Amino acid sequence: MATIVEEAIKILSETVNVSTGLSHPNDMNKAKELFGILHGKGEILLKPEIESAALSHGWNQADADELGSLGQQIGEGKKPRIKDGPWWQSDIYEKMAARC
């Protein structure tokens, strides 16, 4: 997996309530926007790799599966609805890249 995708899952895991997965709308919006940023930068988003990274950062299996599915769908070009936001700073990709 691209290290930037792993870093993105780590950052996402630090900002959402991993014990409830994406059940809170704000957490879902954060995930959607972050995957959209990654996709826009040409990163490959694959469900198994996202799921594995999420599990390693404390997500339970069902929520990691949901996160992986969401990531892959966005990686395949699905345009999700994101309410409110922006949820991430405009330079989040550069910050993630610098941490890799």
N, C-alpha and C. Protein backbone atom coordinates (compact mmCIF):
# COMPACT_ATOMS: atom_id res chain seq x y z
N MET A 1 0.85 -1.18 0.00
CA MET A 1 0.00 0.00 0.00
C MET A 1 0.89 1.23 0.00
N ALA A 2 0.41 2.25 -0.67
CA ALA A 2 1.13 3.52 -0.66
C ALA A 2 1.19 4.03 0.77
N THR A 3 2.33 4.49 1.19
CA THR A 3 2.47 4.95 2.57
C THR A 3 1.57 6.14 2.86
N ILE A 4 1.26 6.93 1.87
CA ILE A 4 0.39 8.09 2.10
C ILE A 4 -1.03 7.63 2.45
N VAL A 5 -1.48 6.53 1.88
CA VAL A 5 -2.80 6.00 2.22
C VAL A 5 -2.80 5.51 3.67
N GLU A 6 -1.75 4.82 4.05
CA GLU A 6 -1.61 4.37 5.45
C GLU A 6 -1.60 5.58 6.39
N GLU A 7 -0.88 6.62 6.03
CA GLU A 7 -0.83 7.84 6.84
C GLU A 7 -2.21 8.48 6.93
N ALA A 8 -2.95 8.46 5.83
CA ALA A 8 -4.30 9.03 5.83
C ALA A 8 -5.21 8.27 6.80
N ILE A 9 -5.11 6.95 6.80
CA ILE A 9 -5.93 6.15 7.72
C ILE A 9 -5.53 6.44 9.16
N LYS A 10 -4.25 6.61 9.39
CA LYS A 10 -3.77 6.94 10.74
C LYS A 10 -4.35 8.28 11.19
N ILE A 11 -4.27 9.30 10.33
CA ILE A 11 -4.79 10.62 10.67
C ILE A 11 -6.30 10.58 10.86
N LEU A 12 -6.99 9.88 9.98
CA LEU A 12 -8.43 9.74 10.12
C LEU A 12 -8.76 9.07 11.45
N SER A 13 -8.02 8.04 11.80
CA SER A 13 -8.26 7.31 13.04
C SER A 13 -8.03 8.17 14.28
N GLU A 14 -7.18 9.17 14.14
CA GLU A 14 -6.92 10.08 15.26
C GLU A 14 -8.00 11.14 15.40
N THR A 15 -8.83 11.33 14.36
CA THR A 15 -9.81 12.42 14.40
C THR A 15 -11.25 11.95 14.50
N VAL A 16 -11.51 10.67 14.26
CA VAL A 16 -12.87 10.16 14.39
C VAL A 16 -12.96 9.24 15.60
N ASN A 17 -14.16 8.92 15.98
CA ASN A 17 -14.37 7.98 17.08
C ASN A 17 -14.35 6.56 16.49
N VAL A 18 -13.20 5.90 16.56
CA VAL A 18 -13.09 4.59 15.92
C VAL A 18 -14.00 3.55 16.57
N SER A 19 -14.42 3.79 17.80
CA SER A 19 -15.30 2.81 18.45
C SER A 19 -16.70 2.80 17.84
N THR A 20 -17.05 3.88 17.15
CA THR A 20 -18.36 3.93 16.49
C THR A 20 -18.25 3.94 14.97
N GLY A 21 -17.02 3.82 14.47
CA GLY A 21 -16.83 3.77 13.02
C GLY A 21 -17.28 5.05 12.35
N LEU A 22 -18.02 4.88 11.28
CA LEU A 22 -18.49 6.04 10.51
C LEU A 22 -19.95 6.36 10.79
N SER A 23 -20.46 5.94 11.94
CA SER A 23 -21.88 6.15 12.24
C SER A 23 -22.23 7.62 12.45
N HIS A 24 -21.29 8.43 12.92
CA HIS A 24 -21.57 9.85 13.08
C HIS A 24 -21.39 10.55 11.73
N PRO A 25 -22.34 11.37 11.33
CA PRO A 25 -22.25 12.03 10.02
C PRO A 25 -20.95 12.82 9.80
N ASN A 26 -20.46 13.47 10.85
CA ASN A 26 -19.21 14.23 10.70
C ASN A 26 -18.04 13.30 10.40
N ASP A 27 -18.01 12.15 11.05
CA ASP A 27 -16.94 11.18 10.80
C ASP A 27 -17.03 10.64 9.38
N MET A 28 -18.22 10.38 8.92
CA MET A 28 -18.42 9.92 7.54
C MET A 28 -17.96 10.98 6.55
N ASN A 29 -18.32 12.22 6.81
CA ASN A 29 -17.91 13.31 5.92
C ASN A 29 -16.40 13.47 5.88
N LYS A 30 -15.75 13.32 7.04
CA LYS A 30 -14.29 13.41 7.08
C LYS A 30 -13.66 12.31 6.22
N ALA A 31 -14.18 11.10 6.34
CA ALA A 31 -13.64 9.99 5.56
C ALA A 31 -13.86 10.22 4.07
N LYS A 32 -15.06 10.62 3.70
CA LYS A 32 -15.35 10.87 2.29
C LYS A 32 -14.43 11.92 1.72
N GLU A 33 -14.29 13.03 2.43
CA GLU A 33 -13.46 14.11 1.92
C GLU A 33 -12.00 13.70 1.82
N LEU A 34 -11.51 12.97 2.82
CA LEU A 34 -10.11 12.54 2.80
C LEU A 34 -9.85 11.58 1.64
N PHE A 35 -10.75 10.63 1.41
CA PHE A 35 -10.58 9.73 0.28
C PHE A 35 -10.67 10.49 -1.04
N GLY A 36 -11.53 11.49 -1.10
CA GLY A 36 -11.63 12.31 -2.30
C GLY A 36 -10.34 13.07 -2.58
N ILE A 37 -9.71 13.57 -1.54
CA ILE A 37 -8.42 14.25 -1.69
C ILE A 37 -7.38 13.28 -2.22
N LEU A 38 -7.32 12.10 -1.62
CA LEU A 38 -6.35 11.10 -2.06
C LEU A 38 -6.57 10.71 -3.52
N HIS A 39 -7.83 10.46 -3.86
CA HIS A 39 -8.16 10.09 -5.24
C HIS A 39 -7.78 11.22 -6.21
N GLY A 40 -8.05 12.44 -5.81
CA GLY A 40 -7.72 13.58 -6.64
C GLY A 40 -6.22 13.75 -6.88
N LYS A 41 -5.44 13.23 -5.97
CA LYS A 41 -3.97 13.29 -6.11
C LYS A 41 -3.41 12.05 -6.81
N GLY A 42 -4.32 11.17 -7.25
CA GLY A 42 -3.87 10.00 -8.01
C GLY A 42 -3.52 8.79 -7.17
N GLU A 43 -3.84 8.82 -5.90
CA GLU A 43 -3.56 7.66 -5.04
C GLU A 43 -4.53 6.53 -5.36
N ILE A 44 -4.03 5.30 -5.29
CA ILE A 44 -4.85 4.12 -5.53
C ILE A 44 -5.46 3.70 -4.19
N LEU A 45 -6.78 3.57 -4.18
CA LEU A 45 -7.51 3.23 -2.96
C LEU A 45 -8.13 1.85 -3.12
N LEU A 46 -7.58 0.88 -2.41
CA LEU A 46 -8.04 -0.50 -2.48
C LEU A 46 -8.61 -0.95 -1.15
N LYS A 47 -9.78 -1.54 -1.19
CA LYS A 47 -10.48 -1.96 0.02
C LYS A 47 -9.62 -2.81 0.95
N PRO A 48 -8.97 -3.87 0.47
CA PRO A 48 -8.22 -4.71 1.42
C PRO A 48 -7.11 -3.95 2.15
N GLU A 49 -6.47 -3.05 1.46
CA GLU A 49 -5.37 -2.31 2.08
C GLU A 49 -5.89 -1.27 3.07
N ILE A 50 -6.98 -0.61 2.72
CA ILE A 50 -7.59 0.37 3.64
C ILE A 50 -8.11 -0.35 4.88
N GLU A 51 -8.79 -1.47 4.66
CA GLU A 51 -9.33 -2.25 5.77
C GLU A 51 -8.22 -2.71 6.70
N SER A 52 -7.14 -3.21 6.15
CA SER A 52 -6.01 -3.67 6.96
C SER A 52 -5.41 -2.53 7.77
N ALA A 53 -5.24 -1.37 7.14
CA ALA A 53 -4.70 -0.22 7.85
C ALA A 53 -5.64 0.21 8.98
N ALA A 54 -6.94 0.20 8.70
CA ALA A 54 -7.91 0.59 9.73
C ALA A 54 -7.86 -0.37 10.92
N LEU A 55 -7.78 -1.66 10.64
CA LEU A 55 -7.69 -2.64 11.72
C LEU A 55 -6.44 -2.41 12.57
N SER A 56 -5.35 -2.04 11.93
CA SER A 56 -4.12 -1.81 12.68
C SER A 56 -4.18 -0.52 13.51
N HIS A 57 -5.18 0.32 13.24
CA HIS A 57 -5.34 1.56 14.00
C HIS A 57 -6.57 1.52 14.90
N GLY A 58 -7.03 0.31 15.24
CA GLY A 58 -8.04 0.16 16.27
C GLY A 58 -9.49 0.07 15.82
N TRP A 59 -9.76 0.04 14.51
CA TRP A 59 -11.13 -0.10 14.04
C TRP A 59 -11.57 -1.55 14.21
N ASN A 60 -12.85 -1.77 14.49
CA ASN A 60 -13.34 -3.14 14.54
C ASN A 60 -13.56 -3.62 13.10
N GLN A 61 -13.73 -4.92 12.94
CA GLN A 61 -13.79 -5.52 11.61
C GLN A 61 -14.90 -4.95 10.74
N ALA A 62 -16.10 -4.83 11.27
CA ALA A 62 -17.22 -4.34 10.47
C ALA A 62 -17.00 -2.90 10.01
N ASP A 63 -16.48 -2.06 10.91
CA ASP A 63 -16.26 -0.66 10.56
C ASP A 63 -15.08 -0.51 9.60
N ALA A 64 -14.05 -1.32 9.77
CA ALA A 64 -12.92 -1.31 8.85
C ALA A 64 -13.37 -1.74 7.46
N ASP A 65 -14.26 -2.72 7.40
CA ASP A 65 -14.82 -3.18 6.13
C ASP A 65 -15.59 -2.05 5.44
N GLU A 66 -16.41 -1.34 6.21
CA GLU A 66 -17.17 -0.22 5.66
C GLU A 66 -16.24 0.88 5.15
N LEU A 67 -15.20 1.19 5.93
CA LEU A 67 -14.24 2.21 5.53
C LEU A 67 -13.53 1.80 4.24
N GLY A 68 -13.13 0.53 4.16
CA GLY A 68 -12.46 0.04 2.96
C GLY A 68 -13.35 0.12 1.73
N SER A 69 -14.62 -0.25 1.90
CA SER A 69 -15.57 -0.17 0.78
C SER A 69 -15.75 1.27 0.33
N LEU A 70 -15.90 2.17 1.27
CA LEU A 70 -16.06 3.58 0.95
C LEU A 70 -14.85 4.10 0.19
N GLY A 71 -13.67 3.78 0.70
CA GLY A 71 -12.44 4.23 0.05
C GLY A 71 -12.31 3.73 -1.37
N GLN A 72 -12.60 2.45 -1.57
CA GLN A 72 -12.47 1.90 -2.92
C GLN A 72 -13.49 2.51 -3.86
N GLN A 73 -14.71 2.71 -3.39
CA GLN A 73 -15.74 3.33 -4.24
C GLN A 73 -15.29 4.72 -4.70
N ILE A 74 -14.76 5.50 -3.78
CA ILE A 74 -14.28 6.84 -4.13
C ILE A 74 -13.06 6.73 -5.04
N GLY A 75 -12.21 5.75 -4.78
CA GLY A 75 -11.06 5.52 -5.63
C GLY A 75 -11.43 5.11 -7.05
N GLU A 76 -12.61 4.54 -7.20
CA GLU A 76 -13.11 4.15 -8.52
C GLU A 76 -13.88 5.28 -9.20
N GLY A 77 -13.94 6.44 -8.54
CA GLY A 77 -14.55 7.60 -9.15
C GLY A 77 -15.92 8.00 -8.65
N LYS A 78 -16.45 7.29 -7.66
CA LYS A 78 -17.75 7.69 -7.11
C LYS A 78 -17.61 9.05 -6.43
N LYS A 79 -18.56 9.91 -6.71
CA LYS A 79 -18.56 11.25 -6.13
C LYS A 79 -19.53 11.28 -4.95
N PRO A 80 -19.02 11.22 -3.73
CA PRO A 80 -19.91 11.21 -2.57
C PRO A 80 -20.42 12.60 -2.22
N ARG A 81 -21.56 12.64 -1.59
CA ARG A 81 -22.07 13.90 -1.05
C ARG A 81 -21.38 14.15 0.29
N ILE A 82 -20.85 15.33 0.41
CA ILE A 82 -20.18 15.71 1.65
C ILE A 82 -20.89 16.95 2.17
N LYS A 83 -21.43 16.83 3.37
CA LYS A 83 -22.15 17.96 3.96
C LYS A 83 -21.17 18.82 4.75
N ASP A 84 -21.45 20.10 4.69
CA ASP A 84 -20.66 21.09 5.42
C ASP A 84 -19.21 21.04 4.94
N GLY A 85 -18.30 21.27 5.84
CA GLY A 85 -16.90 21.22 5.48
C GLY A 85 -16.43 22.55 4.93
N PRO A 86 -15.21 22.64 4.54
CA PRO A 86 -14.30 21.51 4.41
C PRO A 86 -13.90 20.93 5.77
N TRP A 87 -13.65 19.65 5.75
CA TRP A 87 -13.31 18.93 6.97
C TRP A 87 -11.80 18.86 7.21
N TRP A 88 -11.04 19.12 6.18
CA TRP A 88 -9.58 19.05 6.27
C TRP A 88 -8.98 20.35 5.77
N GLN A 89 -7.82 20.68 6.28
CA GLN A 89 -7.10 21.86 5.81
C GLN A 89 -6.71 21.66 4.35
N SER A 90 -6.58 22.73 3.62
CA SER A 90 -6.29 22.64 2.20
C SER A 90 -4.95 21.98 1.90
N ASP A 91 -4.05 21.97 2.87
CA ASP A 91 -2.73 21.36 2.65
C ASP A 91 -2.57 20.00 3.34
N ILE A 92 -3.69 19.32 3.62
CA ILE A 92 -3.60 18.04 4.34
C ILE A 92 -2.79 17.01 3.56
N TYR A 93 -2.94 16.98 2.25
CA TYR A 93 -2.18 16.00 1.46
C TYR A 93 -0.68 16.24 1.62
N GLU A 94 -0.26 17.47 1.53
CA GLU A 94 1.16 17.80 1.67
C GLU A 94 1.66 17.44 3.08
N LYS A 95 0.83 17.68 4.08
CA LYS A 95 1.22 17.33 5.45
C LYS A 95 1.36 15.82 5.61
N MET A 96 0.44 15.07 5.01
CA MET A 96 0.54 13.60 5.07
C MET A 96 1.79 13.13 4.34
N ALA A 97 2.04 13.69 3.18
CA ALA A 97 3.21 13.31 2.40
C ALA A 97 4.50 13.58 3.17
N ALA A 98 4.54 14.68 3.90
CA ALA A 98 5.72 15.04 4.67
C ALA A 98 5.96 14.07 5.83
N ARG A 99 4.89 13.45 6.31
CA ARG A 99 5.00 12.51 7.44
C ARG A 99 5.37 11.10 6.99
N CYS A 100 5.36 10.87 5.70
CA CYS A 100 5.69 9.53 5.18
C CYS A 100 7.18 9.33 5.00
